[in-house]
Amino acid sequence: MTPRTKSSLLWGLVGALAFLVLVQGYDLLAGLSVGFVARLAVAVVVGSAAAGLSYRLAPRFRAKGRT
C-alpha cells in the first residue's frame, strides 16, 4: 500500500468518525429520530468522499508544500 493510499484511507476514517460524533451530539441535544443503519450509511458516504478527495488532491497539496 502506498503512503498516498494509506493517508487517504485514514482521512476517510477520520471523516466518517467525525460525522458519527456530530450526529451523536445532535441526537443528545435535539433528539434526532434517525436509525442506526441510516447513520452508518451516511457515515460511509462521508468517509468515501473524504478518502476520494484526499487521494485526488494529495499531489496538489504536496506541490504547494502543505503536507
PDB file of N, CA and C in Angstrom:
ATOM      1  N   MET A   1       0.851  -1.177   0.000  1.00  0.00           N
ATOM      2  CA  MET A   1       0.000   0.000   0.000  1.00  0.00           C
ATOM      3  C   MET A   1       0.894   1.236   0.000  1.00  0.00           C
ATOM      4  N   THR A   2       0.618   2.130  -0.908  1.00  0.00           N
ATOM      5  CA  THR A   2       1.430   3.343  -0.990  1.00  0.00           C
ATOM      6  C   THR A   2       1.072   4.303   0.145  1.00  0.00           C
ATOM      7  N   PRO A   3       1.988   5.172   0.506  1.00  0.00           N
ATOM      8  CA  PRO A   3       1.687   6.151   1.552  1.00  0.00           C
ATOM      9  C   PRO A   3       0.503   7.052   1.204  1.00  0.00           C
ATOM     10  N   ARG A   4       0.363   7.377  -0.076  1.00  0.00           N
ATOM     11  CA  ARG A   4      -0.759   8.219  -0.505  1.00  0.00           C
ATOM     12  C   ARG A   4      -2.094   7.518  -0.258  1.00  0.00           C
ATOM     13  N   THR A   5      -2.164   6.233  -0.578  1.00  0.00           N
ATOM     14  CA  THR A   5      -3.394   5.463  -0.354  1.00  0.00           C
ATOM     15  C   THR A   5      -3.690   5.319   1.129  1.00  0.00           C
ATOM     16  N   LYS A   6      -2.666   5.020   1.894  1.00  0.00           N
ATOM     17  CA  LYS A   6      -2.838   4.860   3.342  1.00  0.00           C
ATOM     18  C   LYS A   6      -3.329   6.159   3.980  1.00  0.00           C
ATOM     19  N   SER A   7      -2.739   7.265   3.569  1.00  0.00           N
ATOM     20  CA  SER A   7      -3.148   8.566   4.088  1.00  0.00           C
ATOM     21  C   SER A   7      -4.597   8.865   3.727  1.00  0.00           C
ATOM     22  N   SER A   8      -4.976   8.570   2.498  1.00  0.00           N
ATOM     23  CA  SER A   8      -6.347   8.828   2.060  1.00  0.00           C
ATOM     24  C   SER A   8      -7.350   7.995   2.841  1.00  0.00           C
ATOM     25  N   LEU A   9      -7.029   6.731   3.057  1.00  0.00           N
ATOM     26  CA  LEU A   9      -7.934   5.877   3.824  1.00  0.00           C
ATOM     27  C   LEU A   9      -8.068   6.352   5.272  1.00  0.00           C
ATOM     28  N   LEU A  10      -6.975   6.826   5.841  1.00  0.00           N
ATOM     29  CA  LEU A  10      -7.045   7.348   7.211  1.00  0.00           C
ATOM     30  C   LEU A  10      -7.877   8.624   7.270  1.00  0.00           C
ATOM     31  N   TRP A  11      -7.759   9.503   6.261  1.00  0.00           N
ATOM     32  CA  TRP A  11      -8.593  10.700   6.218  1.00  0.00           C
ATOM     33  C   TRP A  11     -10.062  10.327   6.056  1.00  0.00           C
ATOM     34  N   GLY A  12     -10.333   9.284   5.287  1.00  0.00           N
ATOM     35  CA  GLY A  12     -11.709   8.806   5.164  1.00  0.00           C
ATOM     36  C   GLY A  12     -12.254   8.318   6.488  1.00  0.00           C
ATOM     37  N   LEU A  13     -11.430   7.584   7.236  1.00  0.00           N
ATOM     38  CA  LEU A  13     -11.851   7.104   8.554  1.00  0.00           C
ATOM     39  C   LEU A  13     -12.102   8.271   9.508  1.00  0.00           C
ATOM     40  N   VAL A  14     -11.231   9.261   9.470  1.00  0.00           N
ATOM     41  CA  VAL A  14     -11.415  10.443  10.315  1.00  0.00           C
ATOM     42  C   VAL A  14     -12.706  11.167   9.954  1.00  0.00           C
ATOM     43  N   GLY A  15     -12.985  11.297   8.665  1.00  0.00           N
ATOM     44  CA  GLY A  15     -14.216  11.956   8.236  1.00  0.00           C
ATOM     45  C   GLY A  15     -15.462  11.217   8.687  1.00  0.00           C
ATOM     46  N   ALA A  16     -15.453   9.892   8.545  1.00  0.00           N
ATOM     47  CA  ALA A  16     -16.611   9.091   8.956  1.00  0.00           C
ATOM     48  C   ALA A  16     -16.827   9.164  10.463  1.00  0.00           C
ATOM     49  N   LEU A  17     -15.757   9.040  11.221  1.00  0.00           N
ATOM     50  CA  LEU A  17     -15.886   9.094  12.681  1.00  0.00           C
ATOM     51  C   LEU A  17     -16.301  10.481  13.158  1.00  0.00           C
ATOM     52  N   ALA A  18     -15.793  11.519  12.517  1.00  0.00           N
ATOM     53  CA  ALA A  18     -16.195  12.883  12.884  1.00  0.00           C
ATOM     54  C   ALA A  18     -17.677  13.090  12.617  1.00  0.00           C
ATOM     55  N   PHE A  19     -18.162  12.574  11.494  1.00  0.00           N
ATOM     56  CA  PHE A  19     -19.586  12.670  11.198  1.00  0.00           C
ATOM     57  C   PHE A  19     -20.407  11.943  12.265  1.00  0.00           C
ATOM     58  N   LEU A  20     -19.991  10.750  12.644  1.00  0.00           N
ATOM     59  CA  LEU A  20     -20.739   9.994  13.656  1.00  0.00           C
ATOM     60  C   LEU A  20     -20.749  10.711  15.006  1.00  0.00           C
ATOM     61  N   VAL A  21     -19.651  11.351  15.354  1.00  0.00           N
ATOM     62  CA  VAL A  21     -19.602  12.118  16.613  1.00  0.00           C
ATOM     63  C   VAL A  21     -20.566  13.298  16.553  1.00  0.00           C
ATOM     64  N   LEU A  22     -20.591  13.996  15.416  1.00  0.00           N
ATOM     65  CA  LEU A  22     -21.502  15.130  15.278  1.00  0.00           C
ATOM     66  C   LEU A  22     -22.969  14.687  15.328  1.00  0.00           C
ATOM     67  N   VAL A  23     -23.291  13.574  14.697  1.00  0.00           N
ATOM     68  CA  VAL A  23     -24.668  13.072  14.725  1.00  0.00           C
ATOM     69  C   VAL A  23     -25.052  12.653  16.136  1.00  0.00           C
ATOM     70  N   GLN A  24     -24.138  12.021  16.847  1.00  0.00           N
ATOM     71  CA  GLN A  24     -24.427  11.611  18.219  1.00  0.00           C
ATOM     72  C   GLN A  24     -24.655  12.823  19.116  1.00  0.00           C
ATOM     73  N   GLY A  25     -23.839  13.857  18.956  1.00  0.00           N
ATOM     74  CA  GLY A  25     -24.028  15.076  19.741  1.00  0.00           C
ATOM     75  C   GLY A  25     -25.357  15.742  19.439  1.00  0.00           C
ATOM     76  N   TYR A  26     -25.719  15.790  18.162  1.00  0.00           N
ATOM     77  CA  TYR A  26     -27.006  16.370  17.789  1.00  0.00           C
ATOM     78  C   TYR A  26     -28.153  15.546  18.353  1.00  0.00           C
ATOM     79  N   ASP A  27     -28.000  14.239  18.341  1.00  0.00           N
ATOM     80  CA  ASP A  27     -29.026  13.367  18.902  1.00  0.00           C
ATOM     81  C   ASP A  27     -29.200  13.611  20.397  1.00  0.00           C
ATOM     82  N   LEU A  28     -28.111  13.812  21.096  1.00  0.00           N
ATOM     83  CA  LEU A  28     -28.197  14.071  22.535  1.00  0.00           C
ATOM     84  C   LEU A  28     -28.857  15.411  22.837  1.00  0.00           C
ATOM     85  N   LEU A  29     -28.608  16.412  21.988  1.00  0.00           N
ATOM     86  CA  LEU A  29     -29.156  17.743  22.236  1.00  0.00           C
ATOM     87  C   LEU A  29     -30.577  17.923  21.712  1.00  0.00           C
ATOM     88  N   ALA A  30     -30.856  17.397  20.532  1.00  0.00           N
ATOM     89  CA  ALA A  30     -32.138  17.700  19.896  1.00  0.00           C
ATOM     90  C   ALA A  30     -33.054  16.493  19.746  1.00  0.00           C
ATOM     91  N   GLY A  31     -32.586  15.308  20.029  1.00  0.00           N
ATOM     92  CA  GLY A  31     -33.436  14.129  19.906  1.00  0.00           C
ATOM     93  C   GLY A  31     -33.696  13.725  18.466  1.00  0.00           C
ATOM     94  N   LEU A  32     -32.651  13.409  17.746  1.00  0.00           N
ATOM     95  CA  LEU A  32     -32.741  13.007  16.349  1.00  0.00           C
ATOM     96  C   LEU A  32     -33.429  11.648  16.237  1.00  0.00           C
ATOM     97  N   SER A  33     -34.345  11.511  15.288  1.00  0.00           N
ATOM     98  CA  SER A  33     -35.071  10.247  15.150  1.00  0.00           C
ATOM     99  C   SER A  33     -34.658   9.517  13.872  1.00  0.00           C
ATOM    100  N   VAL A  34     -33.368   9.280  13.743  1.00  0.00           N
ATOM    101  CA  VAL A  34     -32.835   8.553  12.592  1.00  0.00           C
ATOM    102  C   VAL A  34     -32.209   7.269  13.107  1.00  0.00           C
ATOM    103  N   GLY A  35     -32.449   6.179  12.391  1.00  0.00           N
ATOM    104  CA  GLY A  35     -31.958   4.884  12.826  1.00  0.00           C
ATOM    105  C   GLY A  35     -30.460   4.719  12.655  1.00  0.00           C
ATOM    106  N   PHE A  36     -29.960   3.652  13.260  1.00  0.00           N
ATOM    107  CA  PHE A  36     -28.526   3.366  13.249  1.00  0.00           C
ATOM    108  C   PHE A  36     -28.029   3.064  11.838  1.00  0.00           C
ATOM    109  N   VAL A  37     -28.804   2.325  11.082  1.00  0.00           N
ATOM    110  CA  VAL A  37     -28.383   1.945   9.727  1.00  0.00           C
ATOM    111  C   VAL A  37     -28.263   3.177   8.834  1.00  0.00           C
ATOM    112  N   ALA A  38     -29.186   4.106   8.952  1.00  0.00           N
ATOM    113  CA  ALA A  38     -29.123   5.328   8.148  1.00  0.00           C
ATOM    114  C   ALA A  38     -27.896   6.156   8.528  1.00  0.00           C
ATOM    115  N   ARG A  39     -27.611   6.252   9.802  1.00  0.00           N
ATOM    116  CA  ARG A  39     -26.427   6.989  10.247  1.00  0.00           C
ATOM    117  C   ARG A  39     -25.154   6.349   9.714  1.00  0.00           C
ATOM    118  N   LEU A  40     -25.110   5.026   9.782  1.00  0.00           N
ATOM    119  CA  LEU A  40     -23.942   4.312   9.302  1.00  0.00           C
ATOM    120  C   LEU A  40     -23.782   4.462   7.792  1.00  0.00           C
ATOM    121  N   ALA A  41     -24.887   4.427   7.063  1.00  0.00           N
ATOM    122  CA  ALA A  41     -24.826   4.588   5.603  1.00  0.00           C
ATOM    123  C   ALA A  41     -24.298   5.967   5.221  1.00  0.00           C
ATOM    124  N   VAL A  42     -24.770   6.997   5.890  1.00  0.00           N
ATOM    125  CA  VAL A  42     -24.292   8.349   5.587  1.00  0.00           C
ATOM    126  C   VAL A  42     -22.828   8.491   5.991  1.00  0.00           C
ATOM    127  N   ALA A  43     -22.429   7.866   7.095  1.00  0.00           N
ATOM    128  CA  ALA A  43     -21.031   7.914   7.519  1.00  0.00           C
ATOM    129  C   ALA A  43     -20.129   7.244   6.482  1.00  0.00           C
ATOM    130  N   VAL A  44     -20.591   6.165   5.877  1.00  0.00           N
ATOM    131  CA  VAL A  44     -19.810   5.505   4.826  1.00  0.00           C
ATOM    132  C   VAL A  44     -19.673   6.420   3.615  1.00  0.00           C
ATOM    133  N   VAL A  45     -20.740   7.112   3.262  1.00  0.00           N
ATOM    134  CA  VAL A  45     -20.684   8.052   2.129  1.00  0.00           C
ATOM    135  C   VAL A  45     -19.723   9.199   2.444  1.00  0.00           C
ATOM    136  N   VAL A  46     -19.802   9.746   3.636  1.00  0.00           N
ATOM    137  CA  VAL A  46     -18.917  10.846   4.030  1.00  0.00           C
ATOM    138  C   VAL A  46     -17.463  10.371   4.047  1.00  0.00           C
ATOM    139  N   GLY A  47     -17.221   9.191   4.593  1.00  0.00           N
ATOM    140  CA  GLY A  47     -15.862   8.647   4.631  1.00  0.00           C
ATOM    141  C   GLY A  47     -15.312   8.388   3.247  1.00  0.00           C
ATOM    142  N   SER A  48     -16.147   7.865   2.363  1.00  0.00           N
ATOM    143  CA  SER A  48     -15.711   7.618   0.985  1.00  0.00           C
ATOM    144  C   SER A  48     -15.389   8.922   0.267  1.00  0.00           C
ATOM    145  N   ALA A  49     -16.217   9.923   0.471  1.00  0.00           N
ATOM    146  CA  ALA A  49     -15.968  11.224  -0.151  1.00  0.00           C
ATOM    147  C   ALA A  49     -14.670  11.840   0.384  1.00  0.00           C
ATOM    148  N   ALA A  50     -14.450  11.749   1.680  1.00  0.00           N
ATOM    149  CA  ALA A  50     -13.226  12.304   2.264  1.00  0.00           C
ATOM    150  C   ALA A  50     -11.996  11.563   1.753  1.00  0.00           C
ATOM    151  N   ALA A  51     -12.082  10.241   1.667  1.00  0.00           N
ATOM    152  CA  ALA A  51     -10.951   9.462   1.167  1.00  0.00           C
ATOM    153  C   ALA A  51     -10.683   9.771  -0.302  1.00  0.00           C
ATOM    154  N   GLY A  52     -11.732   9.845  -1.093  1.00  0.00           N
ATOM    155  CA  GLY A  52     -11.561  10.134  -2.512  1.00  0.00           C
ATOM    156  C   GLY A  52     -10.986  11.508  -2.772  1.00  0.00           C
ATOM    157  N   LEU A  53     -11.506  12.496  -2.062  1.00  0.00           N
ATOM    158  CA  LEU A  53     -10.999  13.868  -2.245  1.00  0.00           C
ATOM    159  C   LEU A  53      -9.557  14.008  -1.768  1.00  0.00           C
ATOM    160  N   SER A  54      -9.234  13.381  -0.652  1.00  0.00           N
ATOM    161  CA  SER A  54      -7.859  13.490  -0.167  1.00  0.00           C
ATOM    162  C   SER A  54      -6.890  12.765  -1.097  1.00  0.00           C
ATOM    163  N   TYR A  55      -7.329  11.659  -1.691  1.00  0.00           N
ATOM    164  CA  TYR A  55      -6.476  10.953  -2.662  1.00  0.00           C
ATOM    165  C   TYR A  55      -6.280  11.807  -3.913  1.00  0.00           C
ATOM    166  N   ARG A  56      -7.355  12.400  -4.373  1.00  0.00           N
ATOM    167  CA  ARG A  56      -7.311  13.190  -5.607  1.00  0.00           C
ATOM    168  C   ARG A  56      -6.510  14.481  -5.429  1.00  0.00           C
ATOM    169  N   LEU A  57      -6.594  15.107  -4.275  1.00  0.00           N
ATOM    170  CA  LEU A  57      -5.951  16.403  -4.055  1.00  0.00           C
ATOM    171  C   LEU A  57      -4.568  16.316  -3.415  1.00  0.00           C
ATOM    172  N   ALA A  58      -4.105  15.115  -3.076  1.00  0.00           N
ATOM    173  CA  ALA A  58      -2.796  14.967  -2.426  1.00  0.00           C
ATOM    174  C   ALA A  58      -1.654  15.546  -3.252  1.00  0.00           C
ATOM    175  N   PRO A  59      -1.583  15.295  -4.565  1.00  0.00           N
ATOM    176  CA  PRO A  59      -0.470  15.896  -5.332  1.00  0.00           C
ATOM    177  C   PRO A  59      -0.509  17.421  -5.330  1.00  0.00           C
ATOM    178  N   ARG A  60      -1.676  17.976  -5.339  1.00  0.00           N
ATOM    179  CA  ARG A  60      -1.791  19.440  -5.335  1.00  0.00           C
ATOM    180  C   ARG A  60      -1.299  20.032  -4.013  1.00  0.00           C
ATOM    181  N   PHE A  61      -1.648  19.385  -2.905  1.00  0.00           N
ATOM    182  CA  PHE A  61      -1.176  19.871  -1.612  1.00  0.00           C
ATOM    183  C   PHE A  61       0.332  19.699  -1.472  1.00  0.00           C
ATOM    184  N   ARG A  62       0.863  18.591  -1.968  1.00  0.00           N
ATOM    185  CA  ARG A  62       2.315  18.375  -1.915  1.00  0.00           C
ATOM    186  C   ARG A  62       3.048  19.435  -2.730  1.00  0.00           C
ATOM    187  N   ALA A  63       2.506  19.785  -3.888  1.00  0.00           N
ATOM    188  CA  ALA A  63       3.149  20.777  -4.748  1.00  0.00           C
ATOM    189  C   ALA A  63       3.197  22.150  -4.080  1.00  0.00           C
ATOM    190  N   LYS A  64       2.219  22.421  -3.238  1.00  0.00           N
ATOM    191  CA  LYS A  64       2.196  23.719  -2.552  1.00  0.00           C
ATOM    192  C   LYS A  64       2.911  23.674  -1.209  1.00  0.00           C
ATOM    193  N   GLY A  65       3.466  22.523  -0.849  1.00  0.00           N
ATOM    194  CA  GLY A  65       4.221  22.393   0.392  1.00  0.00           C
ATOM    195  C   GLY A  65       3.345  22.342   1.629  1.00  0.00           C
ATOM    196  N   ARG A  66       2.145  21.798   1.519  1.00  0.00           N
ATOM    197  CA  ARG A  66       1.217  21.765   2.645  1.00  0.00           C
ATOM    198  C   ARG A  66       1.067  20.385   3.251  1.00  0.00           C
ATOM    199  N   THR A  67       2.060  19.532   3.057  1.00  0.00           N
ATOM    200  CA  THR A  67       1.986  18.199   3.666  1.00  0.00           C
ATOM    201  C   THR A  67       3.091  17.996   4.640  1.00  0.00           C
TER     202      THR A  67
END
